[in-house]
Amino acid sequence: MILDLPSELGQLSRPDRMINVLKAAALAWEPEWAGVMLKDSIQLRRFNTRVPFVDWMLYVPGAVRNLAQPSTSIELPGLSTLVVVQPNPTSGSDATELMHIRSVEDLIRPDESREACAR
């Protein structure tokens, strides 16, 4: 399922607001994963619905710990986690943002999932 938000997020560009949207969606639908991502990120990087796509925010079942700054995690009921990769929406191709994204990917994706995403 894709919830397509407008490119101009208004108040949803505030992390606390978007966290609430993602949290509500994750708790209501209990998906395998869910995320808040920029359309440019999807086009610039390999998007694969079978593996979590890390961009601005991400929900995954299970615990996610040992995140490097500025990334943070919020534990949700049922041993699931909402990861905020950085405080603001991503731009899509910034090198520092990509470094943060990769560090989160390394924590949440087993090697075989990363290989599937690279294809």
PDB file of N, CA and C in Angstrom:
ATOM      1  N   MET A   1       0.828  -1.162   0.000  1.00  0.00           N
ATOM      2  CA  MET A   1       0.000   0.000   0.000  1.00  0.00           C
ATOM      3  C   MET A   1       0.887   1.245   0.000  1.00  0.00           C
ATOM      4  N   ILE A   2       0.531   2.200  -0.787  1.00  0.00           N
ATOM      5  CA  ILE A   2       1.264   3.460  -0.832  1.00  0.00           C
ATOM      6  C   ILE A   2       0.300   4.582  -0.470  1.00  0.00           C
ATOM      7  N   LEU A   3       0.704   5.370   0.494  1.00  0.00           N
ATOM      8  CA  LEU A   3      -0.025   6.575   0.858  1.00  0.00           C
ATOM      9  C   LEU A   3       0.770   7.721   0.255  1.00  0.00           C
ATOM     10  N   ASP A   4       0.271   8.276  -0.825  1.00  0.00           N
ATOM     11  CA  ASP A   4       0.992   9.298  -1.575  1.00  0.00           C
ATOM     12  C   ASP A   4       0.658  10.678  -1.007  1.00  0.00           C
ATOM     13  N   LEU A   5       1.644  11.302  -0.389  1.00  0.00           N
ATOM     14  CA  LEU A   5       1.470  12.625   0.193  1.00  0.00           C
ATOM     15  C   LEU A   5       1.932  13.696  -0.790  1.00  0.00           C
ATOM     16  N   PRO A   6       1.414  14.901  -0.673  1.00  0.00           N
ATOM     17  CA  PRO A   6       1.864  15.970  -1.578  1.00  0.00           C
ATOM     18  C   PRO A   6       3.325  16.313  -1.337  1.00  0.00           C
ATOM     19  N   SER A   7       4.002  16.830  -2.366  1.00  0.00           N
ATOM     20  CA  SER A   7       5.411  17.178  -2.212  1.00  0.00           C
ATOM     21  C   SER A   7       5.601  18.331  -1.233  1.00  0.00           C
ATOM     22  N   GLU A   8       4.639  19.226  -1.144  1.00  0.00           N
ATOM     23  CA  GLU A   8       4.671  20.296  -0.145  1.00  0.00           C
ATOM     24  C   GLU A   8       3.955  19.772   1.096  1.00  0.00           C
ATOM     25  N   LEU A   9       4.715  19.364   2.095  1.00  0.00           N
ATOM     26  CA  LEU A   9       4.151  18.700   3.260  1.00  0.00           C
ATOM     27  C   LEU A   9       3.513  19.639   4.280  1.00  0.00           C
ATOM     28  N   GLY A  10       3.814  20.909   4.213  1.00  0.00           N
ATOM     29  CA  GLY A  10       3.273  21.830   5.206  1.00  0.00           C
ATOM     30  C   GLY A  10       3.691  21.406   6.613  1.00  0.00           C
ATOM     31  N   GLN A  11       2.723  21.280   7.512  1.00  0.00           N
ATOM     32  CA  GLN A  11       3.002  20.910   8.898  1.00  0.00           C
ATOM     33  C   GLN A  11       3.555  19.489   9.023  1.00  0.00           C
ATOM     34  N   LEU A  12       3.343  18.651   8.009  1.00  0.00           N
ATOM     35  CA  LEU A  12       3.880  17.282   8.062  1.00  0.00           C
ATOM     36  C   LEU A  12       5.391  17.244   7.861  1.00  0.00           C
ATOM     37  N   SER A  13       6.005  18.360   7.485  1.00  0.00           N
ATOM     38  CA  SER A  13       7.468  18.390   7.389  1.00  0.00           C
ATOM     39  C   SER A  13       8.099  18.482   8.777  1.00  0.00           C
ATOM     40  N   ARG A  14       7.281  18.742   9.796  1.00  0.00           N
ATOM     41  CA  ARG A  14       7.771  18.701  11.173  1.00  0.00           C
ATOM     42  C   ARG A  14       7.868  17.237  11.591  1.00  0.00           C
ATOM     43  N   PRO A  15       9.025  16.806  12.068  1.00  0.00           N
ATOM     44  CA  PRO A  15       9.206  15.395  12.408  1.00  0.00           C
ATOM     45  C   PRO A  15       8.144  14.853  13.355  1.00  0.00           C
ATOM     46  N   ASP A  16       7.761  15.602  14.386  1.00  0.00           N
ATOM     47  CA  ASP A  16       6.775  15.095  15.334  1.00  0.00           C
ATOM     48  C   ASP A  16       5.435  14.806  14.660  1.00  0.00           C
ATOM     49  N   ARG A  17       5.063  15.607  13.675  1.00  0.00           N
ATOM     50  CA  ARG A  17       3.801  15.382  12.962  1.00  0.00           C
ATOM     51  C   ARG A  17       3.885  14.145  12.070  1.00  0.00           C
ATOM     52  N   MET A  18       4.987  14.026  11.321  1.00  0.00           N
ATOM     53  CA  MET A  18       5.116  12.881  10.421  1.00  0.00           C
ATOM     54  C   MET A  18       5.293  11.585  11.212  1.00  0.00           C
ATOM     55  N   ILE A  19       5.966  11.645  12.341  1.00  0.00           N
ATOM     56  CA  ILE A  19       6.095  10.467  13.199  1.00  0.00           C
ATOM     57  C   ILE A  19       4.710   9.956  13.570  1.00  0.00           C
ATOM     58  N   ASN A  20       3.814  10.855  13.925  1.00  0.00           N
ATOM     59  CA  ASN A  20       2.461  10.447  14.299  1.00  0.00           C
ATOM     60  C   ASN A  20       1.711   9.808  13.139  1.00  0.00           C
ATOM     61  N   VAL A  21       1.897  10.319  11.922  1.00  0.00           N
ATOM     62  CA  VAL A  21       1.253   9.735  10.747  1.00  0.00           C
ATOM     63  C   VAL A  21       1.787   8.323  10.500  1.00  0.00           C
ATOM     64  N   LEU A  22       3.107   8.172  10.498  1.00  0.00           N
ATOM     65  CA  LEU A  22       3.701   6.861  10.244  1.00  0.00           C
ATOM     66  C   LEU A  22       3.346   5.870  11.347  1.00  0.00           C
ATOM     67  N   LYS A  23       3.383   6.328  12.575  1.00  0.00           N
ATOM     68  CA  LYS A  23       3.033   5.468  13.706  1.00  0.00           C
ATOM     69  C   LYS A  23       1.589   4.988  13.595  1.00  0.00           C
ATOM     70  N   ALA A  24       0.658   5.887  13.289  1.00  0.00           N
ATOM     71  CA  ALA A  24      -0.752   5.508  13.148  1.00  0.00           C
ATOM     72  C   ALA A  24      -0.940   4.489  12.029  1.00  0.00           C
ATOM     73  N   ALA A  25      -0.278   4.712  10.893  1.00  0.00           N
ATOM     74  CA  ALA A  25      -0.391   3.777   9.767  1.00  0.00           C
ATOM     75  C   ALA A  25       0.183   2.411  10.141  1.00  0.00           C
ATOM     76  N   ALA A  26       1.331   2.401  10.789  1.00  0.00           N
ATOM     77  CA  ALA A  26       1.981   1.141  11.159  1.00  0.00           C
ATOM     78  C   ALA A  26       1.146   0.365  12.174  1.00  0.00           C
ATOM     79  N   LEU A  27       0.620   1.040  13.163  1.00  0.00           N
ATOM     80  CA  LEU A  27      -0.182   0.360  14.189  1.00  0.00           C
ATOM     81  C   LEU A  27      -1.526  -0.104  13.638  1.00  0.00           C
ATOM     82  N   ALA A  28      -2.103   0.645  12.697  1.00  0.00           N
ATOM     83  CA  ALA A  28      -3.397   0.268  12.128  1.00  0.00           C
ATOM     84  C   ALA A  28      -3.286  -0.899  11.154  1.00  0.00           C
ATOM     85  N   TRP A  29      -2.243  -0.896  10.300  1.00  0.00           N
ATOM     86  CA  TRP A  29      -2.141  -1.902   9.248  1.00  0.00           C
ATOM     87  C   TRP A  29      -1.121  -2.994   9.517  1.00  0.00           C
ATOM     88  N   GLU A  30      -0.209  -2.793  10.449  1.00  0.00           N
ATOM     89  CA  GLU A  30       0.847  -3.762  10.764  1.00  0.00           C
ATOM     90  C   GLU A  30       1.523  -4.312   9.506  1.00  0.00           C
ATOM     91  N   PRO A  31       2.068  -3.430   8.674  1.00  0.00           N
ATOM     92  CA  PRO A  31       2.723  -3.895   7.442  1.00  0.00           C
ATOM     93  C   PRO A  31       4.061  -4.569   7.733  1.00  0.00           C
ATOM     94  N   GLU A  32       4.613  -5.234   6.724  1.00  0.00           N
ATOM     95  CA  GLU A  32       5.955  -5.813   6.859  1.00  0.00           C
ATOM     96  C   GLU A  32       6.975  -4.709   7.070  1.00  0.00           C
ATOM     97  N   TRP A  33       6.746  -3.564   6.454  1.00  0.00           N
ATOM     98  CA  TRP A  33       7.553  -2.361   6.663  1.00  0.00           C
ATOM     99  C   TRP A  33       6.781  -1.189   6.073  1.00  0.00           C
ATOM    100  N   ALA A  34       7.118   0.001   6.504  1.00  0.00           N
ATOM    101  CA  ALA A  34       6.508   1.213   5.970  1.00  0.00           C
ATOM    102  C   ALA A  34       7.530   2.331   6.080  1.00  0.00           C
ATOM    103  N   GLY A  35       7.428   3.308   5.221  1.00  0.00           N
ATOM    104  CA  GLY A  35       8.401   4.387   5.286  1.00  0.00           C
ATOM    105  C   GLY A  35       7.876   5.692   4.744  1.00  0.00           C
ATOM    106  N   VAL A  36       8.562   6.745   5.113  1.00  0.00           N
ATOM    107  CA  VAL A  36       8.322   8.067   4.555  1.00  0.00           C
ATOM    108  C   VAL A  36       9.531   8.361   3.684  1.00  0.00           C
ATOM    109  N   MET A  37       9.276   8.468   2.394  1.00  0.00           N
ATOM    110  CA  MET A  37      10.388   8.614   1.457  1.00  0.00           C
ATOM    111  C   MET A  37      10.054   9.622   0.375  1.00  0.00           C
ATOM    112  N   LEU A  38      11.066  10.234  -0.126  1.00  0.00           N
ATOM    113  CA  LEU A  38      10.954  11.213  -1.197  1.00  0.00           C
ATOM    114  C   LEU A  38      10.844  10.491  -2.534  1.00  0.00           C
ATOM    115  N   LYS A  39      10.000  10.976  -3.412  1.00  0.00           N
ATOM    116  CA  LYS A  39       9.875  10.361  -4.738  1.00  0.00           C
ATOM    117  C   LYS A  39      11.211  10.373  -5.470  1.00  0.00           C
ATOM    118  N   ASP A  40      11.984  11.455  -5.310  1.00  0.00           N
ATOM    119  CA  ASP A  40      13.312  11.519  -5.939  1.00  0.00           C
ATOM    120  C   ASP A  40      14.215  10.403  -5.424  1.00  0.00           C
ATOM    121  N   SER A  41      14.130  10.098  -4.135  1.00  0.00           N
ATOM    122  CA  SER A  41      14.950   9.019  -3.565  1.00  0.00           C
ATOM    123  C   SER A  41      14.594   7.685  -4.199  1.00  0.00           C
ATOM    124  N   ILE A  42      13.315   7.457  -4.389  1.00  0.00           N
ATOM    125  CA  ILE A  42      12.853   6.212  -5.006  1.00  0.00           C
ATOM    126  C   ILE A  42      13.411   6.080  -6.415  1.00  0.00           C
ATOM    127  N   GLN A  43      13.439   7.184  -7.152  1.00  0.00           N
ATOM    128  CA  GLN A  43      13.927   7.150  -8.527  1.00  0.00           C
ATOM    129  C   GLN A  43      15.447   7.076  -8.603  1.00  0.00           C
ATOM    130  N   LEU A  44      16.151   7.732  -7.669  1.00  0.00           N
ATOM    131  CA  LEU A  44      17.611   7.771  -7.716  1.00  0.00           C
ATOM    132  C   LEU A  44      18.267   6.502  -7.164  1.00  0.00           C
ATOM    133  N   ARG A  45      17.609   5.882  -6.194  1.00  0.00           N
ATOM    134  CA  ARG A  45      18.163   4.671  -5.584  1.00  0.00           C
ATOM    135  C   ARG A  45      17.263   3.502  -5.941  1.00  0.00           C
ATOM    136  N   ARG A  46      17.771   2.321  -5.800  1.00  0.00           N
ATOM    137  CA  ARG A  46      17.007   1.133  -6.186  1.00  0.00           C
ATOM    138  C   ARG A  46      15.911   0.838  -5.174  1.00  0.00           C
ATOM    139  N   PHE A  47      14.680   1.062  -5.579  1.00  0.00           N
ATOM    140  CA  PHE A  47      13.516   0.807  -4.737  1.00  0.00           C
ATOM    141  C   PHE A  47      13.019  -0.596  -5.009  1.00  0.00           C
ATOM    142  N   ASN A  48      12.862  -1.372  -3.962  1.00  0.00           N
ATOM    143  CA  ASN A  48      12.391  -2.745  -4.061  1.00  0.00           C
ATOM    144  C   ASN A  48      11.386  -2.935  -2.939  1.00  0.00           C
ATOM    145  N   THR A  49      10.134  -3.194  -3.275  1.00  0.00           N
ATOM    146  CA  THR A  49       9.096  -3.311  -2.254  1.00  0.00           C
ATOM    147  C   THR A  49       9.315  -4.494  -1.316  1.00  0.00           C
ATOM    148  N   ARG A  50      10.163  -5.430  -1.698  1.00  0.00           N
ATOM    149  CA  ARG A  50      10.389  -6.619  -0.864  1.00  0.00           C
ATOM    150  C   ARG A  50      11.279  -6.347   0.339  1.00  0.00           C
ATOM    151  N   VAL A  51      12.020  -5.240   0.323  1.00  0.00           N
ATOM    152  CA  VAL A  51      12.906  -4.915   1.440  1.00  0.00           C
ATOM    153  C   VAL A  51      12.644  -3.482   1.898  1.00  0.00           C
ATOM    154  N   PRO A  52      12.808  -3.217   3.176  1.00  0.00           N
ATOM    155  CA  PRO A  52      12.573  -1.855   3.669  1.00  0.00           C
ATOM    156  C   PRO A  52      13.450  -0.834   2.938  1.00  0.00           C
ATOM    157  N   PHE A  53      12.821   0.229   2.496  1.00  0.00           N
ATOM    158  CA  PHE A  53      13.511   1.310   1.802  1.00  0.00           C
ATOM    159  C   PHE A  53      13.750   2.425   2.814  1.00  0.00           C
ATOM    160  N   VAL A  54      14.991   2.679   3.108  1.00  0.00           N
ATOM    161  CA  VAL A  54      15.343   3.670   4.125  1.00  0.00           C
ATOM    162  C   VAL A  54      15.472   5.037   3.459  1.00  0.00           C
ATOM    163  N   ASP A  55      14.752   6.010   4.012  1.00  0.00           N
ATOM    164  CA  ASP A  55      14.863   7.382   3.544  1.00  0.00           C
ATOM    165  C   ASP A  55      14.706   8.282   4.769  1.00  0.00           C
ATOM    166  N   TRP A  56      13.615   9.047   4.905  1.00  0.00           N
ATOM    167  CA  TRP A  56      13.484   9.942   6.056  1.00  0.00           C
ATOM    168  C   TRP A  56      13.081   9.186   7.316  1.00  0.00           C
ATOM    169  N   MET A  57      11.997   8.403   7.233  1.00  0.00           N
ATOM    170  CA  MET A  57      11.514   7.642   8.380  1.00  0.00           C
ATOM    171  C   MET A  57      11.135   6.251   7.917  1.00  0.00           C
ATOM    172  N   LEU A  58      11.172   5.313   8.864  1.00  0.00           N
ATOM    173  CA  LEU A  58      10.936   3.915   8.525  1.00  0.00           C
ATOM    174  C   LEU A  58      10.320   3.195   9.709  1.00  0.00           C
ATOM    175  N   TYR A  59       9.345   2.344   9.431  1.00  0.00           N
ATOM    176  CA  TYR A  59       8.784   1.439  10.433  1.00  0.00           C
ATOM    177  C   TYR A  59       9.192   0.032  10.042  1.00  0.00           C
ATOM    178  N   VAL A  60       9.692  -0.733  11.011  1.00  0.00           N
ATOM    179  CA  VAL A  60      10.014  -2.136  10.790  1.00  0.00           C
ATOM    180  C   VAL A  60       9.615  -2.939  12.015  1.00  0.00           C
ATOM    181  N   PRO A  61       9.176  -4.180  11.809  1.00  0.00           N
ATOM    182  CA  PRO A  61       8.959  -5.043  12.954  1.00  0.00           C
ATOM    183  C   PRO A  61      10.314  -5.377  13.580  1.00  0.00           C
ATOM    184  N   GLY A  62      10.340  -5.574  14.862  1.00  0.00           N
ATOM    185  CA  GLY A  62      11.590  -5.899  15.544  1.00  0.00           C
ATOM    186  C   GLY A  62      12.256  -4.668  16.114  1.00  0.00           C
ATOM    187  N   ALA A  63      13.273  -4.913  16.899  1.00  0.00           N
ATOM    188  CA  ALA A  63      14.000  -3.824  17.550  1.00  0.00           C
ATOM    189  C   ALA A  63      15.139  -3.339  16.656  1.00  0.00           C
ATOM    190  N   VAL A  64      15.362  -2.045  16.667  1.00  0.00           N
ATOM    191  CA  VAL A  64      16.497  -1.446  15.956  1.00  0.00           C
ATOM    192  C   VAL A  64      17.257  -0.626  16.987  1.00  0.00           C
ATOM    193  N   ARG A  65      18.480  -1.023  17.233  1.00  0.00           N
ATOM    194  CA  ARG A  65      19.287  -0.342  18.245  1.00  0.00           C
ATOM    195  C   ARG A  65      20.644   0.038  17.648  1.00  0.00           C
ATOM    196  N   ASN A  66      21.404   0.777  18.415  1.00  0.00           N
ATOM    197  CA  ASN A  66      22.767   1.183  18.031  1.00  0.00           C
ATOM    198  C   ASN A  66      22.800   2.086  16.801  1.00  0.00           C
ATOM    199  N   LEU A  67      21.809   2.949  16.690  1.00  0.00           N
ATOM    200  CA  LEU A  67      21.786   3.901  15.582  1.00  0.00           C
ATOM    201  C   LEU A  67      22.793   5.012  15.814  1.00  0.00           C
ATOM    202  N   ALA A  68      23.475   5.402  14.753  1.00  0.00           N
ATOM    203  CA  ALA A  68      24.405   6.532  14.825  1.00  0.00           C
ATOM    204  C   ALA A  68      23.614   7.833  14.728  1.00  0.00           C
ATOM    205  N   GLN A  69      24.100   8.880  15.361  1.00  0.00           N
ATOM    206  CA  GLN A  69      23.467  10.194  15.286  1.00  0.00           C
ATOM    207  C   GLN A  69      23.496  10.689  13.846  1.00  0.00           C
ATOM    208  N   PRO A  70      22.509  11.343  13.346  1.00  0.00           N
ATOM    209  CA  PRO A  70      21.368  11.914  14.033  1.00  0.00           C
ATOM    210  C   PRO A  70      20.161  10.993  14.081  1.00  0.00           C
ATOM    211  N   SER A  71      20.310   9.735  13.665  1.00  0.00           N
ATOM    212  CA  SER A  71      19.188   8.807  13.634  1.00  0.00           C
ATOM    213  C   SER A  71      18.741   8.446  15.047  1.00  0.00           C
ATOM    214  N   THR A  72      17.426   8.272  15.191  1.00  0.00           N
ATOM    215  CA  THR A  72      16.853   7.872  16.474  1.00  0.00           C
ATOM    216  C   THR A  72      15.805   6.801  16.228  1.00  0.00           C
ATOM    217  N   SER A  73      15.461   6.084  17.286  1.00  0.00           N
ATOM    218  CA  SER A  73      14.429   5.062  17.158  1.00  0.00           C
ATOM    219  C   SER A  73      13.374   5.246  18.243  1.00  0.00           C
ATOM    220  N   ILE A  74      12.161   4.846  17.901  1.00  0.00           N
ATOM    221  CA  ILE A  74      11.040   4.880  18.827  1.00  0.00           C
ATOM    222  C   ILE A  74      10.465   3.476  18.844  1.00  0.00           C
ATOM    223  N   GLU A  75      10.489   2.838  20.014  1.00  0.00           N
ATOM    224  CA  GLU A  75       9.932   1.498  20.120  1.00  0.00           C
ATOM    225  C   GLU A  75       8.415   1.593  20.196  1.00  0.00           C
ATOM    226  N   LEU A  76       7.731   0.749  19.420  1.00  0.00           N
ATOM    227  CA  LEU A  76       6.276   0.708  19.369  1.00  0.00           C
ATOM    228  C   LEU A  76       5.785  -0.592  19.992  1.00  0.00           C
ATOM    229  N   PRO A  77       4.516  -0.664  20.340  1.00  0.00           N
ATOM    230  CA  PRO A  77       3.978  -1.902  20.907  1.00  0.00           C
ATOM    231  C   PRO A  77       4.184  -3.080  19.958  1.00  0.00           C
ATOM    232  N   GLY A  78       4.399  -4.253  20.515  1.00  0.00           N
ATOM    233  CA  GLY A  78       4.557  -5.453  19.702  1.00  0.00           C
ATOM    234  C   GLY A  78       5.945  -5.636  19.153  1.00  0.00           C
ATOM    235  N   LEU A  79       6.948  -5.084  19.816  1.00  0.00           N
ATOM    236  CA  LEU A  79       8.347  -5.186  19.413  1.00  0.00           C
ATOM    237  C   LEU A  79       8.548  -4.744  17.962  1.00  0.00           C
ATOM    238  N   SER A  80       8.163  -3.529  17.680  1.00  0.00           N
ATOM    239  CA  SER A  80       8.420  -2.923  16.382  1.00  0.00           C
ATOM    240  C   SER A  80       9.054  -1.562  16.631  1.00  0.00           C
ATOM    241  N   THR A  81       9.647  -1.010  15.595  1.00  0.00           N
ATOM    242  CA  THR A  81      10.425   0.217  15.759  1.00  0.00           C
ATOM    243  C   THR A  81      10.133   1.202  14.638  1.00  0.00           C
ATOM    244  N   LEU A  82      10.062   2.457  15.010  1.00  0.00           N
ATOM    245  CA  LEU A  82       9.994   3.551  14.054  1.00  0.00           C
ATOM    246  C   LEU A  82      11.359   4.230  14.095  1.00  0.00           C
ATOM    247  N   VAL A  83      12.029   4.294  12.960  1.00  0.00           N
ATOM    248  CA  VAL A  83      13.358   4.898  12.868  1.00  0.00           C
ATOM    249  C   VAL A  83      13.241   6.242  12.160  1.00  0.00           C
ATOM    250  N   VAL A  84      13.767   7.272  12.793  1.00  0.00           N
ATOM    251  CA  VAL A  84      13.861   8.588  12.166  1.00  0.00           C
ATOM    252  C   VAL A  84      15.328   8.737  11.764  1.00  0.00           C
ATOM    253  N   VAL A  85      15.594   8.692  10.474  1.00  0.00           N
ATOM    254  CA  VAL A  85      16.966   8.701   9.969  1.00  0.00           C
ATOM    255  C   VAL A  85      17.639  10.049  10.225  1.00  0.00           C
ATOM    256  N   GLN A  86      16.870  11.114  10.059  1.00  0.00           N
ATOM    257  CA  GLN A  86      17.402  12.456  10.309  1.00  0.00           C
ATOM    258  C   GLN A  86      16.226  13.363  10.639  1.00  0.00           C
ATOM    259  N   PRO A  87      16.469  14.513  11.240  1.00  0.00           N
ATOM    260  CA  PRO A  87      15.381  15.374  11.691  1.00  0.00           C
ATOM    261  C   PRO A  87      14.502  15.958  10.577  1.00  0.00           C
ATOM    262  N   ASN A  88      15.035  16.127   9.391  1.00  0.00           N
ATOM    263  CA  ASN A  88      14.286  16.764   8.304  1.00  0.00           C
ATOM    264  C   ASN A  88      14.133  15.813   7.126  1.00  0.00           C
ATOM    265  N   PRO A  89      13.135  16.049   6.269  1.00  0.00           N
ATOM    266  CA  PRO A  89      12.995  15.210   5.074  1.00  0.00           C
ATOM    267  C   PRO A  89      14.293  15.216   4.263  1.00  0.00           C
ATOM    268  N   THR A  90      14.575  14.102   3.625  1.00  0.00           N
ATOM    269  CA  THR A  90      15.787  14.001   2.820  1.00  0.00           C
ATOM    270  C   THR A  90      15.648  14.823   1.542  1.00  0.00           C
ATOM    271  N   SER A  91      16.782  15.107   0.929  1.00  0.00           N
ATOM    272  CA  SER A  91      16.768  15.826  -0.341  1.00  0.00           C
ATOM    273  C   SER A  91      16.826  14.862  -1.521  1.00  0.00           C
ATOM    274  N   GLY A  92      17.245  13.637  -1.276  1.00  0.00           N
ATOM    275  CA  GLY A  92      17.291  12.632  -2.331  1.00  0.00           C
ATOM    276  C   GLY A  92      18.674  12.162  -2.711  1.00  0.00           C
ATOM    277  N   SER A  93      19.674  13.075  -2.695  1.00  0.00           N
ATOM    278  CA  SER A  93      20.995  12.663  -3.162  1.00  0.00           C
ATOM    279  C   SER A  93      22.157  13.262  -2.372  1.00  0.00           C
ATOM    280  N   ASP A  94      21.900  13.930  -1.275  1.00  0.00           N
ATOM    281  CA  ASP A  94      22.966  14.531  -0.478  1.00  0.00           C
ATOM    282  C   ASP A  94      23.874  13.442   0.111  1.00  0.00           C
ATOM    283  N   ALA A  95      25.185  13.606  -0.006  1.00  0.00           N
ATOM    284  CA  ALA A  95      26.147  12.595   0.429  1.00  0.00           C
ATOM    285  C   ALA A  95      26.051  12.295   1.929  1.00  0.00           C
ATOM    286  N   THR A  96      25.867  13.311   2.740  1.00  0.00           N
ATOM    287  CA  THR A  96      25.756  13.091   4.187  1.00  0.00           C
ATOM    288  C   THR A  96      24.478  12.325   4.509  1.00  0.00           C
ATOM    289  N   GLU A  97      23.382  12.690   3.868  1.00  0.00           N
ATOM    290  CA  GLU A  97      22.124  11.959   4.069  1.00  0.00           C
ATOM    291  C   GLU A  97      22.275  10.504   3.651  1.00  0.00           C
ATOM    292  N   LEU A  98      22.917  10.269   2.523  1.00  0.00           N
ATOM    293  CA  LEU A  98      23.112   8.898   2.056  1.00  0.00           C
ATOM    294  C   LEU A  98      23.962   8.091   3.040  1.00  0.00           C
ATOM    295  N   MET A  99      24.920   8.728   3.686  1.00  0.00           N
ATOM    296  CA  MET A  99      25.732   8.052   4.696  1.00  0.00           C
ATOM    297  C   MET A  99      24.852   7.622   5.872  1.00  0.00           C
ATOM    298  N   HIS A 100      23.951   8.492   6.313  1.00  0.00           N
ATOM    299  CA  HIS A 100      23.034   8.135   7.403  1.00  0.00           C
ATOM    300  C   HIS A 100      22.095   7.011   6.974  1.00  0.00           C
ATOM    301  N   ILE A 101      21.596   7.096   5.765  1.00  0.00           N
ATOM    302  CA  ILE A 101      20.699   6.067   5.233  1.00  0.00           C
ATOM    303  C   ILE A 101      21.408   4.715   5.210  1.00  0.00           C
ATOM    304  N   ARG A 102      22.630   4.694   4.701  1.00  0.00           N
ATOM    305  CA  ARG A 102      23.394   3.436   4.628  1.00  0.00           C
ATOM    306  C   ARG A 102      23.655   2.846   6.012  1.00  0.00           C
ATOM    307  N   SER A 103      23.910   3.695   6.994  1.00  0.00           N
ATOM    308  CA  SER A 103      24.169   3.175   8.346  1.00  0.00           C
ATOM    309  C   SER A 103      22.916   2.519   8.918  1.00  0.00           C
ATOM    310  N   VAL A 104      21.737   3.059   8.618  1.00  0.00           N
ATOM    311  CA  VAL A 104      20.489   2.436   9.071  1.00  0.00           C
ATOM    312  C   VAL A 104      20.247   1.145   8.291  1.00  0.00           C
ATOM    313  N   GLU A 105      20.469   1.169   6.994  1.00  0.00           N
ATOM    314  CA  GLU A 105      20.311  -0.044   6.182  1.00  0.00           C
ATOM    315  C   GLU A 105      21.171  -1.171   6.731  1.00  0.00           C
ATOM    316  N   ASP A 106      22.396  -0.866   7.113  1.00  0.00           N
ATOM    317  CA  ASP A 106      23.298  -1.889   7.637  1.00  0.00           C
ATOM    318  C   ASP A 106      22.741  -2.550   8.895  1.00  0.00           C
ATOM    319  N   LEU A 107      21.975  -1.805   9.682  1.00  0.00           N
ATOM    320  CA  LEU A 107      21.403  -2.359  10.910  1.00  0.00           C
ATOM    321  C   LEU A 107      20.135  -3.166  10.677  1.00  0.00           C
ATOM    322  N   ILE A 108      19.356  -2.817   9.670  1.00  0.00           N
ATOM    323  CA  ILE A 108      18.049  -3.461   9.514  1.00  0.00           C
ATOM    324  C   ILE A 108      17.981  -4.522   8.426  1.00  0.00           C
ATOM    325  N   ARG A 109      18.929  -4.533   7.501  1.00  0.00           N
ATOM    326  CA  ARG A 109      18.851  -5.468   6.386  1.00  0.00           C
ATOM    327  C   ARG A 109      19.909  -6.549   6.478  1.00  0.00           C
ATOM    328  N   PRO A 110      19.474  -7.798   6.425  1.00  0.00           N
ATOM    329  CA  PRO A 110      20.476  -8.855   6.300  1.00  0.00           C
ATOM    330  C   PRO A 110      21.163  -8.745   4.934  1.00  0.00           C
ATOM    331  N   ASP A 111      22.334  -9.315   4.813  1.00  0.00           N
ATOM    332  CA  ASP A 111      23.122  -9.195   3.581  1.00  0.00           C
ATOM    333  C   ASP A 111      22.334  -9.555   2.332  1.00  0.00           C
ATOM    334  N   GLU A 112      21.544 -10.629   2.396  1.00  0.00           N
ATOM    335  CA  GLU A 112      20.817 -11.043   1.202  1.00  0.00           C
ATOM    336  C   GLU A 112      19.753 -10.030   0.790  1.00  0.00           C
ATOM    337  N   SER A 113      19.169  -9.299   1.743  1.00  0.00           N
ATOM    338  CA  SER A 113      18.192  -8.263   1.395  1.00  0.00           C
ATOM    339  C   SER A 113      18.870  -7.097   0.705  1.00  0.00           C
ATOM    340  N   ARG A 114      20.062  -6.721   1.172  1.00  0.00           N
ATOM    341  CA  ARG A 114      20.775  -5.613   0.544  1.00  0.00           C
ATOM    342  C   ARG A 114      21.135  -5.994  -0.892  1.00  0.00           C
ATOM    343  N   GLU A 115      21.517  -7.269  -1.110  1.00  0.00           N
ATOM    344  CA  GLU A 115      21.832  -7.707  -2.471  1.00  0.00           C
ATOM    345  C   GLU A 115      20.596  -7.632  -3.361  1.00  0.00           C
ATOM    346  N   ALA A 116      19.421  -8.034  -2.828  1.00  0.00           N
ATOM    347  CA  ALA A 116      18.194  -7.982  -3.612  1.00  0.00           C
ATOM    348  C   ALA A 116      17.846  -6.544  -3.963  1.00  0.00           C
ATOM    349  N   CYS A 117      18.108  -5.619  -3.066  1.00  0.00           N
ATOM    350  CA  CYS A 117      17.812  -4.216  -3.308  1.00  0.00           C
ATOM    351  C   CYS A 117      18.753  -3.619  -4.348  1.00  0.00           C
ATOM    352  N   ALA A 118      19.950  -4.122  -4.451  1.00  0.00           N
ATOM    353  CA  ALA A 118      20.929  -3.603  -5.390  1.00  0.00           C
ATOM    354  C   ALA A 118      20.636  -4.028  -6.830  1.00  0.00           C
ATOM    355  N   ARG A 119      19.790  -5.014  -6.984  1.00  0.00           N
ATOM    356  CA  ARG A 119      19.474  -5.509  -8.344  1.00  0.00           C
ATOM    357  C   ARG A 119      18.490  -4.647  -9.057  1.00  0.00           C
TER     358      ARG A 119
END
